[in-house]
Amino acid sequence: MHLLTIPPGGRAKAHLHESHETAIYVVSGTSGTWYGHRLEHHAVVAAGDLFYIPAGMPHLPYNPGPEPCVAVIARTDPNEQESVVLRPDLEALVPEMAPAADSVA
């Protein structure tokens, strides 16, 4: 588990975690996530919401709000960054938003 903060207007790069699942609990703020094999699905979560991302599911989280989004992230692999696969081929499939951060969520 770890605590993640996405600043206002911030976003990750499109990626997936090929070997583990992710469960997210939003503590404060709002986050949107494009997800699916072609990032064809979209969800918005806010404080008190839970969000689940299965292993191998491409996703791209971002913060559309005026305040930081803080979430508790739990993954099924203690070495969670080991199975991160960046998907730059999916970047053009999402609407224009803030530039991608150097880290992924």
PDB file of N, CA and C in Angstrom:
ATOM      1  N   MET A   1       0.847  -1.187   0.000  1.00  0.00           N
ATOM      2  CA  MET A   1       0.000   0.000   0.000  1.00  0.00           C
ATOM      3  C   MET A   1       0.880   1.233   0.000  1.00  0.00           C
ATOM      4  N   HIS A   2       0.379   2.295  -0.624  1.00  0.00           N
ATOM      5  CA  HIS A   2       1.068   3.574  -0.522  1.00  0.00           C
ATOM      6  C   HIS A   2       0.072   4.710  -0.757  1.00  0.00           C
ATOM      7  N   LEU A   3       0.483   5.887  -0.385  1.00  0.00           N
ATOM      8  CA  LEU A   3      -0.326   7.088  -0.550  1.00  0.00           C
ATOM      9  C   LEU A   3       0.119   7.785  -1.826  1.00  0.00           C
ATOM     10  N   LEU A   4      -0.834   8.133  -2.682  1.00  0.00           N
ATOM     11  CA  LEU A   4      -0.536   8.792  -3.950  1.00  0.00           C
ATOM     12  C   LEU A   4      -1.233  10.145  -3.983  1.00  0.00           C
ATOM     13  N   THR A   5      -0.534  11.174  -4.428  1.00  0.00           N
ATOM     14  CA  THR A   5      -1.137  12.498  -4.624  1.00  0.00           C
ATOM     15  C   THR A   5      -0.945  12.897  -6.079  1.00  0.00           C
ATOM     16  N   ILE A   6      -2.055  13.234  -6.730  1.00  0.00           N
ATOM     17  CA  ILE A   6      -2.006  13.777  -8.094  1.00  0.00           C
ATOM     18  C   ILE A   6      -2.327  15.258  -7.970  1.00  0.00           C
ATOM     19  N   PRO A   7      -1.420  16.139  -8.360  1.00  0.00           N
ATOM     20  CA  PRO A   7      -1.678  17.583  -8.232  1.00  0.00           C
ATOM     21  C   PRO A   7      -2.774  18.029  -9.203  1.00  0.00           C
ATOM     22  N   PRO A   8      -3.390  19.173  -8.948  1.00  0.00           N
ATOM     23  CA  PRO A   8      -4.404  19.692  -9.869  1.00  0.00           C
ATOM     24  C   PRO A   8      -3.838  19.786 -11.291  1.00  0.00           C
ATOM     25  N   GLY A   9      -4.579  19.246 -12.255  1.00  0.00           N
ATOM     26  CA  GLY A   9      -4.135  19.276 -13.646  1.00  0.00           C
ATOM     27  C   GLY A   9      -3.099  18.225 -13.985  1.00  0.00           C
ATOM     28  N   GLY A  10      -2.657  17.440 -12.994  1.00  0.00           N
ATOM     29  CA  GLY A  10      -1.633  16.423 -13.241  1.00  0.00           C
ATOM     30  C   GLY A  10      -2.220  15.149 -13.809  1.00  0.00           C
ATOM     31  N   ARG A  11      -1.362  14.360 -14.427  1.00  0.00           N
ATOM     32  CA  ARG A  11      -1.792  13.064 -14.935  1.00  0.00           C
ATOM     33  C   ARG A  11      -0.586  12.144 -15.052  1.00  0.00           C
ATOM     34  N   ALA A  12      -0.875  10.864 -15.132  1.00  0.00           N
ATOM     35  CA  ALA A  12       0.166   9.868 -15.372  1.00  0.00           C
ATOM     36  C   ALA A  12       0.271   9.642 -16.881  1.00  0.00           C
ATOM     37  N   LYS A  13       1.228   8.817 -17.272  1.00  0.00           N
ATOM     38  CA  LYS A  13       1.311   8.350 -18.647  1.00  0.00           C
ATOM     39  C   LYS A  13       0.446   7.095 -18.761  1.00  0.00           C
ATOM     40  N   ALA A  14      -0.041   6.806 -19.950  1.00  0.00           N
ATOM     41  CA  ALA A  14      -0.813   5.578 -20.157  1.00  0.00           C
ATOM     42  C   ALA A  14       0.099   4.387 -19.843  1.00  0.00           C
ATOM     43  N   HIS A  15      -0.422   3.458 -19.053  1.00  0.00           N
ATOM     44  CA  HIS A  15       0.377   2.315 -18.633  1.00  0.00           C
ATOM     45  C   HIS A  15      -0.524   1.186 -18.156  1.00  0.00           C
ATOM     46  N   LEU A  16       0.092   0.071 -17.827  1.00  0.00           N
ATOM     47  CA  LEU A  16      -0.603  -1.035 -17.187  1.00  0.00           C
ATOM     48  C   LEU A  16       0.356  -1.700 -16.218  1.00  0.00           C
ATOM     49  N   HIS A  17      -0.203  -2.463 -15.307  1.00  0.00           N
ATOM     50  CA  HIS A  17       0.580  -3.271 -14.359  1.00  0.00           C
ATOM     51  C   HIS A  17       0.303  -4.715 -14.768  1.00  0.00           C
ATOM     52  N   GLU A  18       1.241  -5.320 -15.488  1.00  0.00           N
ATOM     53  CA  GLU A  18       0.928  -6.603 -16.124  1.00  0.00           C
ATOM     54  C   GLU A  18       0.765  -7.765 -15.160  1.00  0.00           C
ATOM     55  N   SER A  19       1.301  -7.667 -13.953  1.00  0.00           N
ATOM     56  CA  SER A  19       1.274  -8.819 -13.051  1.00  0.00           C
ATOM     57  C   SER A  19       0.492  -8.624 -11.762  1.00  0.00           C
ATOM     58  N   HIS A  20      -0.186  -7.507 -11.598  1.00  0.00           N
ATOM     59  CA  HIS A  20      -0.912  -7.333 -10.343  1.00  0.00           C
ATOM     60  C   HIS A  20      -2.122  -6.426 -10.472  1.00  0.00           C
ATOM     61  N   GLU A  21      -3.048  -6.629  -9.538  1.00  0.00           N
ATOM     62  CA  GLU A  21      -4.266  -5.835  -9.454  1.00  0.00           C
ATOM     63  C   GLU A  21      -4.013  -4.596  -8.606  1.00  0.00           C
ATOM     64  N   THR A  22      -4.875  -3.582  -8.775  1.00  0.00           N
ATOM     65  CA  THR A  22      -4.770  -2.357  -7.999  1.00  0.00           C
ATOM     66  C   THR A  22      -6.142  -1.989  -7.458  1.00  0.00           C
ATOM     67  N   ALA A  23      -6.198  -1.678  -6.167  1.00  0.00           N
ATOM     68  CA  ALA A  23      -7.404  -1.160  -5.531  1.00  0.00           C
ATOM     69  C   ALA A  23      -7.086   0.240  -5.019  1.00  0.00           C
ATOM     70  N   ILE A  24      -7.978   1.186  -5.271  1.00  0.00           N
ATOM     71  CA  ILE A  24      -7.738   2.591  -4.944  1.00  0.00           C
ATOM     72  C   ILE A  24      -8.873   3.108  -4.070  1.00  0.00           C
ATOM     73  N   TYR A  25      -8.520   3.768  -2.975  1.00  0.00           N
ATOM     74  CA  TYR A  25      -9.497   4.452  -2.132  1.00  0.00           C
ATOM     75  C   TYR A  25      -9.148   5.930  -2.147  1.00  0.00           C
ATOM     76  N   VAL A  26     -10.077   6.773  -2.591  1.00  0.00           N
ATOM     77  CA  VAL A  26      -9.827   8.208  -2.691  1.00  0.00           C
ATOM     78  C   VAL A  26     -10.100   8.862  -1.340  1.00  0.00           C
ATOM     79  N   VAL A  27      -9.071   9.504  -0.801  1.00  0.00           N
ATOM     80  CA  VAL A  27      -9.162  10.172   0.501  1.00  0.00           C
ATOM     81  C   VAL A  27      -9.724  11.581   0.334  1.00  0.00           C
ATOM     82  N   SER A  28      -9.216  12.310  -0.672  1.00  0.00           N
ATOM     83  CA  SER A  28      -9.698  13.672  -0.909  1.00  0.00           C
ATOM     84  C   SER A  28      -9.490  14.032  -2.378  1.00  0.00           C
ATOM     85  N   GLY A  29     -10.273  14.989  -2.840  1.00  0.00           N
ATOM     86  CA  GLY A  29     -10.160  15.440  -4.214  1.00  0.00           C
ATOM     87  C   GLY A  29     -10.918  14.550  -5.186  1.00  0.00           C
ATOM     88  N   THR A  30     -10.617  14.722  -6.467  1.00  0.00           N
ATOM     89  CA  THR A  30     -11.289  14.002  -7.544  1.00  0.00           C
ATOM     90  C   THR A  30     -10.248  13.514  -8.539  1.00  0.00           C
ATOM     91  N   SER A  31     -10.486  12.341  -9.098  1.00  0.00           N
ATOM     92  CA  SER A  31      -9.616  11.820 -10.148  1.00  0.00           C
ATOM     93  C   SER A  31     -10.463  11.209 -11.247  1.00  0.00           C
ATOM     94  N   GLY A  32     -10.023  11.386 -12.473  1.00  0.00           N
ATOM     95  CA  GLY A  32     -10.622  10.698 -13.604  1.00  0.00           C
ATOM     96  C   GLY A  32      -9.627   9.665 -14.084  1.00  0.00           C
ATOM     97  N   THR A  33     -10.132   8.592 -14.669  1.00  0.00           N
ATOM     98  CA  THR A  33      -9.262   7.568 -15.237  1.00  0.00           C
ATOM     99  C   THR A  33      -9.851   7.080 -16.551  1.00  0.00           C
ATOM    100  N   TRP A  34      -9.042   7.133 -17.589  1.00  0.00           N
ATOM    101  CA  TRP A  34      -9.363   6.475 -18.852  1.00  0.00           C
ATOM    102  C   TRP A  34      -8.801   5.076 -18.730  1.00  0.00           C
ATOM    103  N   TYR A  35      -9.576   4.050 -19.092  1.00  0.00           N
ATOM    104  CA  TYR A  35      -9.099   2.688 -18.961  1.00  0.00           C
ATOM    105  C   TYR A  35      -9.737   1.805 -20.039  1.00  0.00           C
ATOM    106  N   GLY A  36      -9.164   0.641 -20.229  1.00  0.00           N
ATOM    107  CA  GLY A  36      -9.624  -0.289 -21.262  1.00  0.00           C
ATOM    108  C   GLY A  36      -8.497  -0.526 -22.252  1.00  0.00           C
ATOM    109  N   HIS A  37      -8.667  -1.513 -23.085  1.00  0.00           N
ATOM    110  CA  HIS A  37      -7.599  -1.879 -24.017  1.00  0.00           C
ATOM    111  C   HIS A  37      -7.263  -0.770 -24.999  1.00  0.00           C
ATOM    112  N   ARG A  38      -8.210   0.126 -25.276  1.00  0.00           N
ATOM    113  CA  ARG A  38      -7.967   1.300 -26.126  1.00  0.00           C
ATOM    114  C   ARG A  38      -8.343   2.577 -25.361  1.00  0.00           C
ATOM    115  N   LEU A  39      -8.310   2.506 -24.018  1.00  0.00           N
ATOM    116  CA  LEU A  39      -8.704   3.625 -23.142  1.00  0.00           C
ATOM    117  C   LEU A  39     -10.092   4.134 -23.514  1.00  0.00           C
ATOM    118  N   GLU A  40     -10.979   3.194 -23.832  1.00  0.00           N
ATOM    119  CA  GLU A  40     -12.318   3.547 -24.294  1.00  0.00           C
ATOM    120  C   GLU A  40     -13.320   3.786 -23.167  1.00  0.00           C
ATOM    121  N   HIS A  41     -12.957   3.470 -21.931  1.00  0.00           N
ATOM    122  CA  HIS A  41     -13.849   3.667 -20.787  1.00  0.00           C
ATOM    123  C   HIS A  41     -13.332   4.822 -19.930  1.00  0.00           C
ATOM    124  N   HIS A  42     -14.243   5.437 -19.194  1.00  0.00           N
ATOM    125  CA  HIS A  42     -13.870   6.572 -18.350  1.00  0.00           C
ATOM    126  C   HIS A  42     -14.637   6.494 -17.038  1.00  0.00           C
ATOM    127  N   ALA A  43     -13.946   6.762 -15.947  1.00  0.00           N
ATOM    128  CA  ALA A  43     -14.573   6.806 -14.627  1.00  0.00           C
ATOM    129  C   ALA A  43     -14.047   8.017 -13.876  1.00  0.00           C
ATOM    130  N   VAL A  44     -14.916   8.578 -13.038  1.00  0.00           N
ATOM    131  CA  VAL A  44     -14.525   9.678 -12.156  1.00  0.00           C
ATOM    132  C   VAL A  44     -14.817   9.228 -10.732  1.00  0.00           C
ATOM    133  N   VAL A  45     -13.821   9.373  -9.861  1.00  0.00           N
ATOM    134  CA  VAL A  45     -13.986   9.016  -8.460  1.00  0.00           C
ATOM    135  C   VAL A  45     -13.654  10.223  -7.594  1.00  0.00           C
ATOM    136  N   ALA A  46     -14.304  10.279  -6.440  1.00  0.00           N
ATOM    137  CA  ALA A  46     -14.106  11.392  -5.504  1.00  0.00           C
ATOM    138  C   ALA A  46     -13.914  10.818  -4.103  1.00  0.00           C
ATOM    139  N   ALA A  47     -13.661  11.685  -3.148  1.00  0.00           N
ATOM    140  CA  ALA A  47     -13.416  11.274  -1.768  1.00  0.00           C
ATOM    141  C   ALA A  47     -14.461  10.263  -1.306  1.00  0.00           C
ATOM    142  N   GLY A  48     -13.970   9.147  -0.757  1.00  0.00           N
ATOM    143  CA  GLY A  48     -14.843   8.092  -0.262  1.00  0.00           C
ATOM    144  C   GLY A  48     -15.112   6.989  -1.271  1.00  0.00           C
ATOM    145  N   ASP A  49     -14.714   7.170  -2.531  1.00  0.00           N
ATOM    146  CA  ASP A  49     -14.951   6.169  -3.576  1.00  0.00           C
ATOM    147  C   ASP A  49     -13.809   5.162  -3.652  1.00  0.00           C
ATOM    148  N   LEU A  50     -14.154   3.972  -4.111  1.00  0.00           N
ATOM    149  CA  LEU A  50     -13.189   2.911  -4.387  1.00  0.00           C
ATOM    150  C   LEU A  50     -13.148   2.678  -5.892  1.00  0.00           C
ATOM    151  N   PHE A  51     -11.981   2.292  -6.408  1.00  0.00           N
ATOM    152  CA  PHE A  51     -11.827   2.003  -7.833  1.00  0.00           C
ATOM    153  C   PHE A  51     -10.885   0.817  -7.963  1.00  0.00           C
ATOM    154  N   TYR A  52     -11.232  -0.116  -8.822  1.00  0.00           N
ATOM    155  CA  TYR A  52     -10.444  -1.339  -9.011  1.00  0.00           C
ATOM    156  C   TYR A  52      -9.911  -1.399 -10.436  1.00  0.00           C
ATOM    157  N   ILE A  53      -8.633  -1.757 -10.583  1.00  0.00           N
ATOM    158  CA  ILE A  53      -8.012  -1.936 -11.898  1.00  0.00           C
ATOM    159  C   ILE A  53      -7.422  -3.343 -11.936  1.00  0.00           C
ATOM    160  N   PRO A  54      -7.966  -4.204 -12.809  1.00  0.00           N
ATOM    161  CA  PRO A  54      -7.415  -5.564 -12.884  1.00  0.00           C
ATOM    162  C   PRO A  54      -6.010  -5.593 -13.480  1.00  0.00           C
ATOM    163  N   ALA A  55      -5.283  -6.656 -13.223  1.00  0.00           N
ATOM    164  CA  ALA A  55      -3.947  -6.834 -13.799  1.00  0.00           C
ATOM    165  C   ALA A  55      -4.049  -6.783 -15.320  1.00  0.00           C
ATOM    166  N   GLY A  56      -3.089  -6.111 -15.946  1.00  0.00           N
ATOM    167  CA  GLY A  56      -3.034  -6.051 -17.401  1.00  0.00           C
ATOM    168  C   GLY A  56      -3.952  -5.034 -18.054  1.00  0.00           C
ATOM    169  N   MET A  57      -4.687  -4.247 -17.269  1.00  0.00           N
ATOM    170  CA  MET A  57      -5.632  -3.277 -17.833  1.00  0.00           C
ATOM    171  C   MET A  57      -4.938  -1.928 -18.059  1.00  0.00           C
ATOM    172  N   PRO A  58      -4.824  -1.473 -19.304  1.00  0.00           N
ATOM    173  CA  PRO A  58      -4.271  -0.139 -19.557  1.00  0.00           C
ATOM    174  C   PRO A  58      -5.133   0.929 -18.886  1.00  0.00           C
ATOM    175  N   HIS A  59      -4.470   1.945 -18.335  1.00  0.00           N
ATOM    176  CA  HIS A  59      -5.203   3.035 -17.708  1.00  0.00           C
ATOM    177  C   HIS A  59      -4.351   4.306 -17.691  1.00  0.00           C
ATOM    178  N   LEU A  60      -5.037   5.422 -17.522  1.00  0.00           N
ATOM    179  CA  LEU A  60      -4.371   6.718 -17.475  1.00  0.00           C
ATOM    180  C   LEU A  60      -5.155   7.603 -16.502  1.00  0.00           C
ATOM    181  N   PRO A  61      -4.688   7.714 -15.256  1.00  0.00           N
ATOM    182  CA  PRO A  61      -5.362   8.560 -14.272  1.00  0.00           C
ATOM    183  C   PRO A  61      -4.922  10.021 -14.395  1.00  0.00           C
ATOM    184  N   TYR A  62      -5.825  10.915 -14.019  1.00  0.00           N
ATOM    185  CA  TYR A  62      -5.521  12.349 -14.060  1.00  0.00           C
ATOM    186  C   TYR A  62      -6.357  13.064 -13.007  1.00  0.00           C
ATOM    187  N   ASN A  63      -6.019  14.305 -12.731  1.00  0.00           N
ATOM    188  CA  ASN A  63      -6.754  15.113 -11.759  1.00  0.00           C
ATOM    189  C   ASN A  63      -7.363  16.322 -12.460  1.00  0.00           C
ATOM    190  N   PRO A  64      -8.684  16.328 -12.659  1.00  0.00           N
ATOM    191  CA  PRO A  64      -9.343  17.459 -13.304  1.00  0.00           C
ATOM    192  C   PRO A  64      -9.701  18.589 -12.333  1.00  0.00           C
ATOM    193  N   GLY A  65      -9.520  18.334 -11.048  1.00  0.00           N
ATOM    194  CA  GLY A  65     -10.014  19.270 -10.036  1.00  0.00           C
ATOM    195  C   GLY A  65      -9.069  20.396  -9.680  1.00  0.00           C
ATOM    196  N   PRO A  66      -9.584  21.310  -8.880  1.00  0.00           N
ATOM    197  CA  PRO A  66      -8.780  22.454  -8.440  1.00  0.00           C
ATOM    198  C   PRO A  66      -7.926  22.156  -7.212  1.00  0.00           C
ATOM    199  N   GLU A  67      -8.061  20.955  -6.644  1.00  0.00           N
ATOM    200  CA  GLU A  67      -7.287  20.599  -5.456  1.00  0.00           C
ATOM    201  C   GLU A  67      -6.578  19.266  -5.695  1.00  0.00           C
ATOM    202  N   PRO A  68      -5.533  18.967  -4.928  1.00  0.00           N
ATOM    203  CA  PRO A  68      -4.852  17.683  -5.094  1.00  0.00           C
ATOM    204  C   PRO A  68      -5.806  16.516  -4.856  1.00  0.00           C
ATOM    205  N   CYS A  69      -5.592  15.432  -5.545  1.00  0.00           N
ATOM    206  CA  CYS A  69      -6.318  14.193  -5.298  1.00  0.00           C
ATOM    207  C   CYS A  69      -5.378  13.283  -4.521  1.00  0.00           C
ATOM    208  N   VAL A  70      -5.827  12.836  -3.355  1.00  0.00           N
ATOM    209  CA  VAL A  70      -5.026  11.963  -2.503  1.00  0.00           C
ATOM    210  C   VAL A  70      -5.749  10.624  -2.404  1.00  0.00           C
ATOM    211  N   ALA A  71      -5.016   9.548  -2.647  1.00  0.00           N
ATOM    212  CA  ALA A  71      -5.619   8.214  -2.623  1.00  0.00           C
ATOM    213  C   ALA A  71      -4.675   7.215  -1.983  1.00  0.00           C
ATOM    214  N   VAL A  72      -5.260   6.207  -1.356  1.00  0.00           N
ATOM    215  CA  VAL A  72      -4.516   5.059  -0.839  1.00  0.00           C
ATOM    216  C   VAL A  72      -4.583   3.993  -1.925  1.00  0.00           C
ATOM    217  N   ILE A  73      -3.407   3.511  -2.338  1.00  0.00           N
ATOM    218  CA  ILE A  73      -3.290   2.519  -3.401  1.00  0.00           C
ATOM    219  C   ILE A  73      -2.827   1.199  -2.783  1.00  0.00           C
ATOM    220  N   ALA A  74      -3.543   0.121  -3.064  1.00  0.00           N
ATOM    221  CA  ALA A  74      -3.139  -1.216  -2.601  1.00  0.00           C
ATOM    222  C   ALA A  74      -2.985  -2.106  -3.823  1.00  0.00           C
ATOM    223  N   ARG A  75      -1.856  -2.803  -3.901  1.00  0.00           N
ATOM    224  CA  ARG A  75      -1.589  -3.691  -5.032  1.00  0.00           C
ATOM    225  C   ARG A  75      -1.274  -5.091  -4.527  1.00  0.00           C
ATOM    226  N   THR A  76      -1.474  -6.079  -5.396  1.00  0.00           N
ATOM    227  CA  THR A  76      -1.268  -7.468  -5.016  1.00  0.00           C
ATOM    228  C   THR A  76       0.185  -7.917  -5.147  1.00  0.00           C
ATOM    229  N   ASP A  77       1.092  -6.992  -5.476  1.00  0.00           N
ATOM    230  CA  ASP A  77       2.517  -7.316  -5.607  1.00  0.00           C
ATOM    231  C   ASP A  77       3.322  -6.272  -4.842  1.00  0.00           C
ATOM    232  N   PRO A  78       4.122  -6.690  -3.851  1.00  0.00           N
ATOM    233  CA  PRO A  78       4.902  -5.710  -3.091  1.00  0.00           C
ATOM    234  C   PRO A  78       5.947  -4.984  -3.942  1.00  0.00           C
ATOM    235  N   ASN A  79       6.326  -5.556  -5.078  1.00  0.00           N
ATOM    236  CA  ASN A  79       7.269  -4.924  -6.000  1.00  0.00           C
ATOM    237  C   ASN A  79       6.512  -4.330  -7.176  1.00  0.00           C
ATOM    238  N   GLU A  80       5.454  -3.594  -6.889  1.00  0.00           N
ATOM    239  CA  GLU A  80       4.489  -3.139  -7.885  1.00  0.00           C
ATOM    240  C   GLU A  80       5.084  -2.398  -9.071  1.00  0.00           C
ATOM    241  N   GLN A  81       6.164  -1.703  -8.935  1.00  0.00           N
ATOM    242  CA  GLN A  81       6.729  -0.980 -10.076  1.00  0.00           C
ATOM    243  C   GLN A  81       7.454  -1.912 -11.042  1.00  0.00           C
ATOM    244  N   GLU A  82       7.729  -3.142 -10.616  1.00  0.00           N
ATOM    245  CA  GLU A  82       8.444  -4.081 -11.476  1.00  0.00           C
ATOM    246  C   GLU A  82       7.644  -4.483 -12.704  1.00  0.00           C
ATOM    247  N   SER A  83       6.309  -4.477 -12.607  1.00  0.00           N
ATOM    248  CA  SER A  83       5.510  -4.935 -13.745  1.00  0.00           C
ATOM    249  C   SER A  83       4.814  -3.789 -14.486  1.00  0.00           C
ATOM    250  N   VAL A  84       5.278  -2.565 -14.306  1.00  0.00           N
ATOM    251  CA  VAL A  84       4.704  -1.425 -15.022  1.00  0.00           C
ATOM    252  C   VAL A  84       5.167  -1.465 -16.481  1.00  0.00           C
ATOM    253  N   VAL A  85       4.207  -1.354 -17.386  1.00  0.00           N
ATOM    254  CA  VAL A  85       4.495  -1.307 -18.813  1.00  0.00           C
ATOM    255  C   VAL A  85       3.896  -0.021 -19.356  1.00  0.00           C
ATOM    256  N   LEU A  86       4.736   0.902 -19.812  1.00  0.00           N
ATOM    257  CA  LEU A  86       4.239   2.147 -20.399  1.00  0.00           C
ATOM    258  C   LEU A  86       3.603   1.850 -21.748  1.00  0.00           C
ATOM    259  N   ARG A  87       2.532   2.582 -22.074  1.00  0.00           N
ATOM    260  CA  ARG A  87       1.820   2.385 -23.337  1.00  0.00           C
ATOM    261  C   ARG A  87       1.721   3.712 -24.090  1.00  0.00           C
ATOM    262  N   PRO A  88       2.842   4.220 -24.626  1.00  0.00           N
ATOM    263  CA  PRO A  88       2.819   5.492 -25.349  1.00  0.00           C
ATOM    264  C   PRO A  88       1.909   5.459 -26.574  1.00  0.00           C
ATOM    265  N   ASP A  89       1.637   4.268 -27.106  1.00  0.00           N
ATOM    266  CA  ASP A  89       0.743   4.140 -28.250  1.00  0.00           C
ATOM    267  C   ASP A  89      -0.689   4.542 -27.927  1.00  0.00           C
ATOM    268  N   LEU A  90      -1.045   4.609 -26.645  1.00  0.00           N
ATOM    269  CA  LEU A  90      -2.399   4.975 -26.243  1.00  0.00           C
ATOM    270  C   LEU A  90      -2.556   6.456 -25.912  1.00  0.00           C
ATOM    271  N   GLU A  91      -1.462   7.176 -25.788  1.00  0.00           N
ATOM    272  CA  GLU A  91      -1.513   8.582 -25.359  1.00  0.00           C
ATOM    273  C   GLU A  91      -2.437   9.443 -26.227  1.00  0.00           C
ATOM    274  N   ALA A  92      -2.437   9.239 -27.521  1.00  0.00           N
ATOM    275  CA  ALA A  92      -3.232  10.075 -28.430  1.00  0.00           C
ATOM    276  C   ALA A  92      -4.722   9.750 -28.377  1.00  0.00           C
ATOM    277  N   LEU A  93      -5.126   8.710 -27.657  1.00  0.00           N
ATOM    278  CA  LEU A  93      -6.519   8.303 -27.622  1.00  0.00           C
ATOM    279  C   LEU A  93      -7.349   9.042 -26.579  1.00  0.00           C
ATOM    280  N   VAL A  94      -6.708   9.796 -25.706  1.00  0.00           N
ATOM    281  CA  VAL A  94      -7.449  10.510 -24.660  1.00  0.00           C
ATOM    282  C   VAL A  94      -7.546  11.992 -25.014  1.00  0.00           C
ATOM    283  N   PRO A  95      -8.604  12.654 -24.528  1.00  0.00           N
ATOM    284  CA  PRO A  95      -8.733  14.095 -24.804  1.00  0.00           C
ATOM    285  C   PRO A  95      -7.540  14.879 -24.286  1.00  0.00           C
ATOM    286  N   GLU A  96      -7.322  16.029 -24.868  1.00  0.00           N
ATOM    287  CA  GLU A  96      -6.222  16.908 -24.467  1.00  0.00           C
ATOM    288  C   GLU A  96      -6.334  17.236 -22.982  1.00  0.00           C
ATOM    289  N   MET A  97      -5.236  17.099 -22.277  1.00  0.00           N
ATOM    290  CA  MET A  97      -5.191  17.442 -20.853  1.00  0.00           C
ATOM    291  C   MET A  97      -3.766  17.842 -20.516  1.00  0.00           C
ATOM    292  N   ALA A  98      -3.479  18.009 -19.261  1.00  0.00           N
ATOM    293  CA  ALA A  98      -2.158  18.439 -18.821  1.00  0.00           C
ATOM    294  C   ALA A  98      -1.093  17.456 -19.311  1.00  0.00           C
ATOM    295  N   PRO A  99       0.151  17.916 -19.488  1.00  0.00           N
ATOM    296  CA  PRO A  99       1.238  17.008 -19.893  1.00  0.00           C
ATOM    297  C   PRO A  99       1.425  15.881 -18.892  1.00  0.00           C
ATOM    298  N   ALA A 100       1.857  14.736 -19.364  1.00  0.00           N
ATOM    299  CA  ALA A 100       2.038  13.571 -18.497  1.00  0.00           C
ATOM    300  C   ALA A 100       3.196  13.800 -17.541  1.00  0.00           C
ATOM    301  N   ALA A 101       3.029  13.320 -16.323  1.00  0.00           N
ATOM    302  CA  ALA A 101       4.079  13.379 -15.315  1.00  0.00           C
ATOM    303  C   ALA A 101       5.122  12.308 -15.629  1.00  0.00           C
ATOM    304  N   ASP A 102       6.265  12.386 -14.981  1.00  0.00           N
ATOM    305  CA  ASP A 102       7.315  11.393 -15.189  1.00  0.00           C
ATOM    306  C   ASP A 102       7.031  10.079 -14.477  1.00  0.00           C
ATOM    307  N   SER A 103       6.143  10.118 -13.488  1.00  0.00           N
ATOM    308  CA  SER A 103       5.846   8.890 -12.755  1.00  0.00           C
ATOM    309  C   SER A 103       4.485   8.349 -13.194  1.00  0.00           C
ATOM    310  N   VAL A 104       4.250   7.085 -12.879  1.00  0.00           N
ATOM    311  CA  VAL A 104       2.975   6.468 -13.198  1.00  0.00           C
ATOM    312  C   VAL A 104       2.293   6.083 -11.897  1.00  0.00           C
ATOM    313  N   ALA A 105       0.971   5.882 -11.972  1.00  0.00           N
ATOM    314  CA  ALA A 105       0.232   5.525 -10.775  1.00  0.00           C
ATOM    315  C   ALA A 105      -0.198   4.085 -10.815  1.00  0.00           C
TER     316      ALA A 105
END
